[in-house]
C-alpha atoms as a PDB file:
ATOM      1  CA  MET A   1      10.757 -52.497 -46.208  1.00  0.00           C
ATOM      2  CA  THR A   2       9.073 -49.239 -44.691  1.00  0.00           C
ATOM      3  CA  PRO A   3      11.990 -46.856 -42.834  1.00  0.00           C
ATOM      4  CA  ARG A   4      11.018 -46.639 -39.207  1.00  0.00           C
ATOM      5  CA  THR A   5       9.790 -43.310 -38.228  1.00  0.00           C
ATOM      6  CA  PRO A   6      11.191 -41.924 -34.959  1.00  0.00           C
ATOM      7  CA  ALA A   7       8.829 -41.893 -32.164  1.00  0.00           C
ATOM      8  CA  ALA A   8       7.597 -38.544 -31.290  1.00  0.00           C
ATOM      9  CA  ASP A   9       9.425 -37.082 -28.422  1.00  0.00           C
ATOM     10  CA  PRO A  10       7.224 -37.248 -24.908  1.00  0.00           C
ATOM     11  CA  ALA A  11       5.449 -34.186 -24.245  1.00  0.00           C
ATOM     12  CA  PRO A  12       7.226 -32.492 -21.347  1.00  0.00           C
ATOM     13  CA  PRO A  13       5.857 -32.690 -17.826  1.00  0.00           C
ATOM     14  CA  ARG A  14       3.056 -30.007 -16.772  1.00  0.00           C
ATOM     15  CA  THR A  15       4.490 -27.672 -14.165  1.00  0.00           C
ATOM     16  CA  ARG A  16       2.682 -25.545 -12.145  1.00  0.00           C
ATOM     17  CA  SER A  17       2.711 -21.922 -12.829  1.00  0.00           C
ATOM     18  CA  PRO A  18       5.031 -19.562 -10.446  1.00  0.00           C
ATOM     19  CA  ARG A  19       1.761 -17.664  -9.467  1.00  0.00           C
ATOM     20  CA  TRP A  20       0.442 -20.984  -8.000  1.00  0.00           C
ATOM     21  CA  GLN A  21       3.944 -21.949  -6.124  1.00  0.00           C
ATOM     22  CA  VAL A  22       4.167 -18.588  -4.300  1.00  0.00           C
ATOM     23  CA  LEU A  23       0.299 -18.941  -3.181  1.00  0.00           C
ATOM     24  CA  SER A  24       1.148 -22.426  -2.141  1.00  0.00           C
ATOM     25  CA  TRP A  25       4.055 -21.372   0.055  1.00  0.00           C
ATOM     26  CA  GLN A  26       2.460 -18.635   1.393  1.00  0.00           C
ATOM     27  CA  LEU A  27      -0.545 -21.226   2.478  1.00  0.00           C
ATOM     28  CA  ILE A  28       2.199 -23.458   4.096  1.00  0.00           C
ATOM     29  CA  GLY A  29       3.810 -20.128   6.033  1.00  0.00           C
ATOM     30  CA  LEU A  30       0.452 -19.094   7.141  1.00  0.00           C
ATOM     31  CA  ALA A  31      -0.316 -22.866   8.599  1.00  0.00           C
ATOM     32  CA  LEU A  32       2.928 -22.895  10.261  1.00  0.00           C
ATOM     33  CA  ILE A  33       2.322 -19.478  11.857  1.00  0.00           C
ATOM     34  CA  LEU A  34      -1.080 -20.295  12.780  1.00  0.00           C
ATOM     35  CA  GLY A  35       0.511 -23.304  14.432  1.00  0.00           C
ATOM     36  CA  VAL A  36       3.103 -22.200  16.136  1.00  0.00           C
ATOM     37  CA  TRP A  37       0.544 -19.475  17.756  1.00  0.00           C
ATOM     38  CA  TRP A  38      -1.560 -22.306  18.988  1.00  0.00           C
ATOM     39  CA  LEU A  39       0.898 -24.320  20.162  1.00  0.00           C
ATOM     40  CA  VAL A  40       2.305 -21.525  22.642  1.00  0.00           C
ATOM     41  CA  THR A  41      -1.216 -20.422  23.710  1.00  0.00           C
ATOM     42  CA  GLU A  42      -3.490 -23.343  23.702  1.00  0.00           C
ATOM     43  CA  GLY A  43      -1.133 -26.264  23.211  1.00  0.00           C
ATOM     44  CA  LEU A  44       1.547 -25.307  25.913  1.00  0.00           C
ATOM     45  CA  GLY A  45      -0.182 -22.349  27.889  1.00  0.00           C
ATOM     46  CA  LEU A  46       2.711 -20.292  28.086  1.00  0.00           C
ATOM     47  CA  TYR A  47       0.768 -17.296  28.571  1.00  0.00           C
ATOM     48  CA  PRO A  48      -2.393 -16.494  30.176  1.00  0.00           C
ATOM     49  CA  PRO A  49      -5.572 -15.621  27.322  1.00  0.00           C
ATOM     50  CA  TYR A  50      -5.132 -11.621  28.863  1.00  0.00           C
ATOM     51  CA  VAL A  51      -1.848 -11.571  28.021  1.00  0.00           C
ATOM     52  CA  PHE A  52      -1.182 -13.885  24.706  1.00  0.00           C
ATOM     53  CA  PRO A  53      -4.839 -14.650  23.173  1.00  0.00           C
ATOM     54  CA  SER A  54      -5.425 -17.763  20.827  1.00  0.00           C
ATOM     55  CA  PRO A  55      -5.859 -17.809  17.148  1.00  0.00           C
ATOM     56  CA  ALA A  56      -9.575 -19.124  18.051  1.00  0.00           C
ATOM     57  CA  GLN A  57      -9.870 -15.782  20.751  1.00  0.00           C
ATOM     58  CA  VAL A  58      -8.681 -13.644  17.838  1.00  0.00           C
ATOM     59  CA  TRP A  59     -11.140 -14.944  15.249  1.00  0.00           C
ATOM     60  CA  THR A  60     -13.852 -14.679  17.355  1.00  0.00           C
ATOM     61  CA  GLU A  61     -13.277 -10.973  17.854  1.00  0.00           C
ATOM     62  CA  ILE A  62     -12.683 -10.628  14.044  1.00  0.00           C
ATOM     63  CA  SER A  63     -16.449 -11.983  13.607  1.00  0.00           C
ATOM     64  CA  TYR A  64     -18.177 -10.226  16.222  1.00  0.00           C
ATOM     65  CA  GLY A  65     -16.357  -7.042  15.209  1.00  0.00           C
ATOM     66  CA  LEU A  66     -17.066  -7.541  11.259  1.00  0.00           C
ATOM     67  CA  TRP A  67     -20.382  -9.215  11.022  1.00  0.00           C
ATOM     68  CA  GLY A  68     -22.086 -10.008  14.263  1.00  0.00           C
ATOM     69  CA  THR A  69     -25.422  -8.797  15.132  1.00  0.00           C
ATOM     70  CA  GLY A  70     -25.629  -7.782  18.958  1.00  0.00           C
ATOM     71  CA  PRO A  71     -25.602  -4.070  20.098  1.00  0.00           C
ATOM     72  CA  GLN A  72     -22.027  -3.933  20.457  1.00  0.00           C
ATOM     73  CA  ASP A  73     -20.714  -6.114  17.014  1.00  0.00           C
ATOM     74  CA  GLY A  74     -19.826  -4.747  13.756  1.00  0.00           C
ATOM     75  CA  LYS A  75     -17.966  -1.957  15.129  1.00  0.00           C
ATOM     76  CA  LEU A  76     -14.584  -3.551  13.510  1.00  0.00           C
ATOM     77  CA  LEU A  77     -16.898  -3.173  10.173  1.00  0.00           C
ATOM     78  CA  SER A  78     -17.800   0.685  10.607  1.00  0.00           C
ATOM     79  CA  ALA A  79     -14.458   1.564  11.948  1.00  0.00           C
ATOM     80  CA  LEU A  80     -12.887  -0.050   8.688  1.00  0.00           C
ATOM     81  CA  ALA A  81     -15.221   1.788   6.411  1.00  0.00           C
ATOM     82  CA  GLY A  82     -14.706   5.016   8.146  1.00  0.00           C
ATOM     83  CA  SER A  83     -10.691   3.905   7.703  1.00  0.00           C
ATOM     84  CA  LEU A  84     -10.979   3.202   4.184  1.00  0.00           C
ATOM     85  CA  ARG A  85     -13.364   6.224   3.109  1.00  0.00           C
ATOM     86  CA  ARG A  86     -10.524   8.302   4.624  1.00  0.00           C
ATOM     87  CA  VAL A  87      -7.001   7.285   3.089  1.00  0.00           C
ATOM     88  CA  LEU A  88      -9.094   6.416  -0.490  1.00  0.00           C
ATOM     89  CA  THR A  89      -9.793  10.215  -0.241  1.00  0.00           C
ATOM     90  CA  GLY A  90      -6.546  11.156   1.029  1.00  0.00           C
ATOM     91  CA  TYR A  91      -4.476   9.219  -1.223  1.00  0.00           C
ATOM     92  CA  GLY A  92      -6.707  10.105  -4.301  1.00  0.00           C
ATOM     93  CA  ILE A  93      -5.476  13.903  -3.260  1.00  0.00           C
ATOM     94  CA  ALA A  94      -2.188  13.166  -2.893  1.00  0.00           C
ATOM     95  CA  VAL A  95      -2.088  11.445  -6.185  1.00  0.00           C
ATOM     96  CA  VAL A  96      -3.373  14.481  -7.866  1.00  0.00           C
ATOM     97  CA  LEU A  97      -1.392  17.095  -6.048  1.00  0.00           C
ATOM     98  CA  GLY A  98       1.689  14.834  -6.259  1.00  0.00           C
ATOM     99  CA  ALA A  99       1.473  14.447 -10.116  1.00  0.00           C
ATOM    100  CA  LEU A 100       1.215  18.052 -10.773  1.00  0.00           C
ATOM    101  CA  VAL A 101       4.156  18.894  -8.506  1.00  0.00           C
ATOM    102  CA  GLY A 102       6.129  16.023 -10.216  1.00  0.00           C
ATOM    103  CA  LEU A 103       5.326  17.276 -13.872  1.00  0.00           C
ATOM    104  CA  LEU A 104       6.136  20.842 -12.875  1.00  0.00           C
ATOM    105  CA  MET A 105       9.615  19.513 -11.026  1.00  0.00           C
ATOM    106  CA  GLY A 106      10.255  17.030 -14.200  1.00  0.00           C
ATOM    107  CA  ALA A 107       9.448  19.679 -16.495  1.00  0.00           C
ATOM    108  CA  TRP A 108      11.086  23.166 -14.768  1.00  0.00           C
ATOM    109  CA  ARG A 109      15.110  22.496 -13.378  1.00  0.00           C
ATOM    110  CA  PRO A 110      14.498  25.763 -10.842  1.00  0.00           C
ATOM    111  CA  LEU A 111      11.368  24.339  -9.418  1.00  0.00           C
ATOM    112  CA  ARG A 112      13.236  20.583  -8.705  1.00  0.00           C
ATOM    113  CA  ALA A 113      16.224  22.068  -7.521  1.00  0.00           C
ATOM    114  CA  ALA A 114      14.368  24.352  -4.804  1.00  0.00           C
ATOM    115  CA  LEU A 115      11.692  21.432  -3.819  1.00  0.00           C
ATOM    116  CA  GLY A 116      13.461  18.125  -4.274  1.00  0.00           C
ATOM    117  CA  ALA A 117      16.088  18.301  -1.317  1.00  0.00           C
ATOM    118  CA  TYR A 118      13.196  19.555   1.234  1.00  0.00           C
ATOM    119  CA  LEU A 119      10.722  17.134  -0.065  1.00  0.00           C
ATOM    120  CA  THR A 120      13.308  14.169   0.402  1.00  0.00           C
ATOM    121  CA  GLY A 121      13.852  15.509   3.921  1.00  0.00           C
ATOM    122  CA  ILE A 122      10.380  15.888   5.166  1.00  0.00           C
ATOM    123  CA  GLN A 123       9.797  12.040   3.691  1.00  0.00           C
ATOM    124  CA  SER A 124      12.443  11.027   6.162  1.00  0.00           C
ATOM    125  CA  VAL A 125      10.288  12.494   9.014  1.00  0.00           C
ATOM    126  CA  PRO A 126       7.911   9.896  10.732  1.00  0.00           C
ATOM    127  CA  SER A 127       4.167  10.492   9.728  1.00  0.00           C
ATOM    128  CA  ILE A 128       3.670  10.259  13.617  1.00  0.00           C
ATOM    129  CA  ALA A 129       5.710  13.497  14.066  1.00  0.00           C
ATOM    130  CA  PHE A 130       3.080  15.833  12.037  1.00  0.00           C
ATOM    131  CA  VAL A 131       0.127  14.397  14.171  1.00  0.00           C
ATOM    132  CA  PRO A 132       0.773  16.888  16.857  1.00  0.00           C
ATOM    133  CA  PHE A 133       1.289  19.797  14.408  1.00  0.00           C
ATOM    134  CA  ALA A 134      -2.044  18.649  12.657  1.00  0.00           C
ATOM    135  CA  ILE A 135      -4.243  18.451  16.195  1.00  0.00           C
ATOM    136  CA  LEU A 136      -3.163  22.216  17.109  1.00  0.00           C
ATOM    137  CA  PHE A 137      -3.631  23.457  13.399  1.00  0.00           C
ATOM    138  CA  PHE A 138      -6.828  21.680  12.646  1.00  0.00           C
ATOM    139  CA  GLY A 139      -7.860  20.349  16.057  1.00  0.00           C
ATOM    140  CA  LEU A 140      -8.919  17.240  16.745  1.00  0.00           C
ATOM    141  CA  ASN A 141     -11.228  16.338  13.970  1.00  0.00           C
ATOM    142  CA  GLU A 142     -11.270  14.142  10.649  1.00  0.00           C
ATOM    143  CA  ARG A 143      -9.194  17.021   8.638  1.00  0.00           C
ATOM    144  CA  ALA A 144      -6.294  16.497  10.732  1.00  0.00           C
ATOM    145  CA  VAL A 145      -6.269  12.722   9.643  1.00  0.00           C
ATOM    146  CA  LEU A 146      -6.582  13.592   6.404  1.00  0.00           C
ATOM    147  CA  PHE A 147      -3.631  16.384   6.452  1.00  0.00           C
ATOM    148  CA  VAL A 148      -1.232  13.567   7.268  1.00  0.00           C
ATOM    149  CA  VAL A 149      -2.259  11.208   4.887  1.00  0.00           C
ATOM    150  CA  ILE A 150      -2.426  13.460   1.976  1.00  0.00           C
ATOM    151  CA  LEU A 151       1.101  14.792   3.120  1.00  0.00           C
ATOM    152  CA  GLU A 152       2.613  11.308   3.464  1.00  0.00           C
ATOM    153  CA  GLY A 153       0.997  10.447   0.315  1.00  0.00           C
ATOM    154  CA  PHE A 154       1.678  13.834  -2.157  1.00  0.00           C
ATOM    155  CA  ILE A 155       5.624  13.518  -1.326  1.00  0.00           C
ATOM    156  CA  PRO A 156       6.556  10.054  -2.829  1.00  0.00           C
ATOM    157  CA  VAL A 157       4.434  10.738  -6.080  1.00  0.00           C
ATOM    158  CA  ALA A 158       5.974  14.030  -6.381  1.00  0.00           C
ATOM    159  CA  LEU A 159       9.210  12.490  -6.245  1.00  0.00           C
ATOM    160  CA  ALA A 160       8.725   9.718  -8.334  1.00  0.00           C
ATOM    161  CA  VAL A 161       6.778  11.475 -11.186  1.00  0.00           C
ATOM    162  CA  SER A 162       9.755  13.849 -11.498  1.00  0.00           C
ATOM    163  CA  GLY A 163      12.437  11.219 -10.890  1.00  0.00           C
ATOM    164  CA  ALA A 164      10.715   8.994 -13.591  1.00  0.00           C
ATOM    165  CA  LEU A 165      10.741  12.001 -16.056  1.00  0.00           C
ATOM    166  CA  LEU A 166      14.365  12.486 -15.300  1.00  0.00           C
ATOM    167  CA  ASN A 167      15.292   9.091 -16.195  1.00  0.00           C
ATOM    168  CA  VAL A 168      13.481   8.795 -19.661  1.00  0.00           C
ATOM    169  CA  PRO A 169      15.661   7.740 -22.192  1.00  0.00           C
ATOM    170  CA  PRO A 170      17.469  11.053 -24.102  1.00  0.00           C
ATOM    171  CA  ALA A 171      16.451   9.154 -27.453  1.00  0.00           C
ATOM    172  CA  LEU A 172      12.891   9.469 -26.442  1.00  0.00           C
ATOM    173  CA  ARG A 173      13.211  13.316 -25.787  1.00  0.00           C
ATOM    174  CA  ILE A 174      15.152  13.701 -29.217  1.00  0.00           C
ATOM    175  CA  ALA A 175      12.618  11.707 -31.064  1.00  0.00           C
ATOM    176  CA  GLY A 176       9.614  13.759 -29.484  1.00  0.00           C
ATOM    177  CA  ARG A 177      11.177  17.203 -30.130  1.00  0.00           C
ATOM    178  CA  THR A 178      12.109  15.849 -34.160  1.00  0.00           C
ATOM    179  CA  LEU A 179       7.968  15.726 -34.494  1.00  0.00           C
ATOM    180  CA  GLY A 180       7.533  18.873 -33.038  1.00  0.00           C
ATOM    181  CA  ALA A 181       6.384  18.396 -29.211  1.00  0.00           C
ATOM    182  CA  ARG A 182       7.629  21.047 -27.021  1.00  0.00           C
ATOM    183  CA  GLY A 183       7.325  22.268 -23.303  1.00  0.00           C
ATOM    184  CA  LEU A 184       3.763  20.301 -21.954  1.00  0.00           C
ATOM    185  CA  SER A 185       3.272  18.622 -24.716  1.00  0.00           C
ATOM    186  CA  LEU A 186       6.665  16.590 -24.776  1.00  0.00           C
ATOM    187  CA  THR A 187       5.946  16.050 -20.841  1.00  0.00           C
ATOM    188  CA  THR A 188       2.408  14.830 -21.435  1.00  0.00           C
ATOM    189  CA  GLY A 189       2.638  13.200 -24.896  1.00  0.00           C
ATOM    190  CA  VAL A 190       5.837  11.589 -24.820  1.00  0.00           C
ATOM    191  CA  LEU A 191       7.763  11.737 -21.442  1.00  0.00           C
ATOM    192  CA  LEU A 192       4.919  10.669 -19.120  1.00  0.00           C
ATOM    193  CA  PRO A 193       4.013   7.446 -21.184  1.00  0.00           C
ATOM    194  CA  ALA A 194       7.554   6.750 -21.155  1.00  0.00           C
ATOM    195  CA  ALA A 195       7.901   6.988 -17.530  1.00  0.00           C
ATOM    196  CA  LEU A 196       4.539   5.438 -16.559  1.00  0.00           C
ATOM    197  CA  PRO A 197       6.390   2.078 -14.981  1.00  0.00           C
ATOM    198  CA  ASN A 198       8.168   4.037 -12.705  1.00  0.00           C
ATOM    199  CA  VAL A 199       5.415   6.528 -11.925  1.00  0.00           C
ATOM    200  CA  LEU A 200       3.036   3.229 -10.697  1.00  0.00           C
ATOM    201  CA  THR A 201       6.304   2.011  -8.651  1.00  0.00           C
ATOM    202  CA  GLY A 202       6.064   5.628  -6.957  1.00  0.00           C
ATOM    203  CA  LEU A 203       2.084   5.107  -6.726  1.00  0.00           C
ATOM    204  CA  ARG A 204       2.540   2.117  -4.847  1.00  0.00           C
ATOM    205  CA  THR A 205       4.978   3.355  -2.370  1.00  0.00           C
ATOM    206  CA  ALA A 206       2.797   6.309  -1.723  1.00  0.00           C
ATOM    207  CA  TRP A 207      -0.235   3.949  -0.835  1.00  0.00           C
ATOM    208  CA  SER A 208       1.986   2.437   1.804  1.00  0.00           C
ATOM    209  CA  PHE A 209       2.971   5.712   3.269  1.00  0.00           C
ATOM    210  CA  ALA A 210      -0.728   6.678   3.278  1.00  0.00           C
ATOM    211  CA  TRP A 211      -2.076   3.576   4.937  1.00  0.00           C
ATOM    212  CA  ARG A 212       0.356   3.826   7.682  1.00  0.00           C
ATOM    213  CA  ALA A 213      -0.047   7.329   8.549  1.00  0.00           C
ATOM    214  CA  LEU A 214      -3.539   7.193   8.762  1.00  0.00           C
ATOM    215  CA  VAL A 215      -3.371   4.322  11.265  1.00  0.00           C
ATOM    216  CA  GLY A 216      -0.880   6.366  13.157  1.00  0.00           C
ATOM    217  CA  ALA A 217      -3.061   9.442  13.023  1.00  0.00           C
ATOM    218  CA  GLU A 218      -6.022   7.669  14.134  1.00  0.00           C
ATOM    219  CA  LEU A 219      -4.404   6.358  17.080  1.00  0.00           C
ATOM    220  CA  LEU A 220      -4.015   9.770  18.622  1.00  0.00           C
ATOM    221  CA  ILE A 221      -6.992  11.547  17.229  1.00  0.00           C
ATOM    222  CA  SER A 222     -10.096  10.303  19.047  1.00  0.00           C
ATOM    223  CA  GLY A 223     -13.694  11.301  18.084  1.00  0.00           C
ATOM    224  CA  VAL A 224     -14.226   9.045  14.752  1.00  0.00           C
ATOM    225  CA  ALA A 225     -15.005   5.728  13.769  1.00  0.00           C
ATOM    226  CA  SER A 226     -11.581   4.085  12.623  1.00  0.00           C
ATOM    227  CA  ILE A 227      -9.829   1.194  12.653  1.00  0.00           C
ATOM    228  CA  GLY A 228      -6.930   3.155  14.988  1.00  0.00           C
ATOM    229  CA  GLU A 229      -9.486   4.122  17.399  1.00  0.00           C
ATOM    230  CA  GLN A 230     -10.144   0.509  17.945  1.00  0.00           C
ATOM    231  CA  LEU A 231      -6.878  -0.292  18.470  1.00  0.00           C
ATOM    232  CA  GLU A 232      -6.548   2.496  21.230  1.00  0.00           C
ATOM    233  CA  VAL A 233      -9.878   0.599  22.453  1.00  0.00           C
ATOM    234  CA  GLY A 234      -8.050  -2.545  22.668  1.00  0.00           C
ATOM    235  CA  ARG A 235      -5.628  -0.811  24.624  1.00  0.00           C
ATOM    236  CA  ALA A 236      -7.656   1.150  27.290  1.00  0.00           C
ATOM    237  CA  THR A 237      -9.757  -2.213  27.989  1.00  0.00           C
ATOM    238  CA  ALA A 238      -6.705  -4.298  28.275  1.00  0.00           C
ATOM    239  CA  ASN A 239      -8.404  -6.346  25.124  1.00  0.00           C
ATOM    240  CA  VAL A 240      -5.420  -7.945  23.612  1.00  0.00           C
ATOM    241  CA  ALA A 241      -7.487  -9.817  21.036  1.00  0.00           C
ATOM    242  CA  LEU A 242      -8.967  -6.929  19.953  1.00  0.00           C
ATOM    243  CA  VAL A 243      -5.889  -5.313  19.148  1.00  0.00           C
ATOM    244  CA  LEU A 244      -4.574  -8.436  17.484  1.00  0.00           C
ATOM    245  CA  ALA A 245      -7.495  -8.331  15.323  1.00  0.00           C
ATOM    246  CA  SER A 246      -7.345  -4.782  14.752  1.00  0.00           C
ATOM    247  CA  ILE A 247      -3.435  -5.266  13.551  1.00  0.00           C
ATOM    248  CA  ILE A 248      -4.551  -8.498  11.297  1.00  0.00           C
ATOM    249  CA  ILE A 249      -7.061  -6.286   9.562  1.00  0.00           C
ATOM    250  CA  ILE A 250      -4.634  -3.632   8.927  1.00  0.00           C
ATOM    251  CA  GLY A 251      -2.188  -5.588   7.614  1.00  0.00           C
ATOM    252  CA  ILE A 252      -5.087  -7.777   5.174  1.00  0.00           C
ATOM    253  CA  ILE A 253      -6.205  -4.527   3.837  1.00  0.00           C
ATOM    254  CA  GLY A 254      -2.907  -2.896   3.315  1.00  0.00           C
ATOM    255  CA  GLY A 255      -1.362  -6.094   1.698  1.00  0.00           C
ATOM    256  CA  LEU A 256      -4.762  -6.763  -0.880  1.00  0.00           C
ATOM    257  CA  PHE A 257      -4.132  -2.732  -2.179  1.00  0.00           C
ATOM    258  CA  ASP A 258      -0.286  -3.191  -2.659  1.00  0.00           C
ATOM    259  CA  THR A 259      -1.377  -6.665  -4.377  1.00  0.00           C
ATOM    260  CA  LEU A 260      -3.744  -4.653  -6.581  1.00  0.00           C
ATOM    261  CA  LEU A 261      -1.099  -1.970  -7.149  1.00  0.00           C
ATOM    262  CA  ARG A 262       1.668  -4.335  -7.903  1.00  0.00           C
ATOM    263  CA  ALA A 263      -0.329  -6.448 -10.637  1.00  0.00           C
ATOM    264  CA  LEU A 264      -1.342  -3.280 -12.456  1.00  0.00           C
ATOM    265  CA  GLU A 265       2.383  -2.112 -12.179  1.00  0.00           C
ATOM    266  CA  GLY A 266       3.405  -5.570 -13.386  1.00  0.00           C
ATOM    267  CA  ARG A 267       0.743  -5.831 -16.326  1.00  0.00           C
ATOM    268  CA  VAL A 268       2.243  -2.202 -17.537  1.00  0.00           C
ATOM    269  CA  ARG A 269       5.981  -3.276 -17.572  1.00  0.00           C
ATOM    270  CA  ARG A 270       4.959  -6.428 -19.317  1.00  0.00           C
ATOM    271  CA  ASP A 271       3.149  -4.178 -22.121  1.00  0.00           C
ATOM    272  CA  TYR A 272       6.528  -2.246 -22.005  1.00  0.00           C
ATOM    273  CA  GLY A 273       8.845  -5.233 -22.394  1.00  0.00           C
ATOM    274  CA  LEU A 274      10.163  -4.473 -19.053  1.00  0.00           C
ATOM    275  CA  GLU A 275       9.034  -8.211 -17.994  1.00  0.00           C
ATOM    276  CA  VAL A 276       8.990 -11.701 -19.462  1.00  0.00           C
ATOM    277  CA  THR A 277       5.718 -13.173 -18.529  1.00  0.00           C
ATOM    278  CA  PRO A 278       6.573 -16.425 -16.577  1.00  0.00           C
END
């Protein structure tokens, strides 16, 4: 009589990955928002179109503004291109300057004591408060916009880099010094790589500051093709659909860049063993 072999355990049920679950809930949330929006505007007619336009009217404004072919169409696309060029230029300069100052602050205590509190205080000032100074100093031009963007992006990067260097475990400092690293070589070869995950968090914060500062500055500084100028045009012409279309585009672009930086940050954190891959 042959012994009976135990039945193989059934394969565990396949489940959706957390990413797909999150995406599913996001799509459901978007559908709910659009449904309530349509119900309030077209379904029940609680507001006239010139006060609160429907999703279809805003989509028409977006489509005309991004890929329309008429003489007045395509302005949103050119405005978005100008805004992206400014924010990427200002953000890049802010990252370089902020990283250099942050490295110096993290390596030299007197500089950290002299600048740290002031940078934190300046960071608490809303970016729109610097626009009048930028206008008076640079004039109503693109340099004023870049100044506000660079200032708002520079401070988070500098504080993040210096703070990340100070939070490196002491064991790594001791190990680096034991292996002969001193001064700048210790900072760039040991401390900065160890602090990279926290530095990336600061870069993501700096992006959100720079993007919001850009739109605020463009609202008040006319004469340049920008998404902020489109907001002002919509206000001046009582075109609420254009205002909402510009707001939606601002949110989408800001969210996309934040998602890219968040993905890079998550990848680095997983490589460093700070997160577990789901």
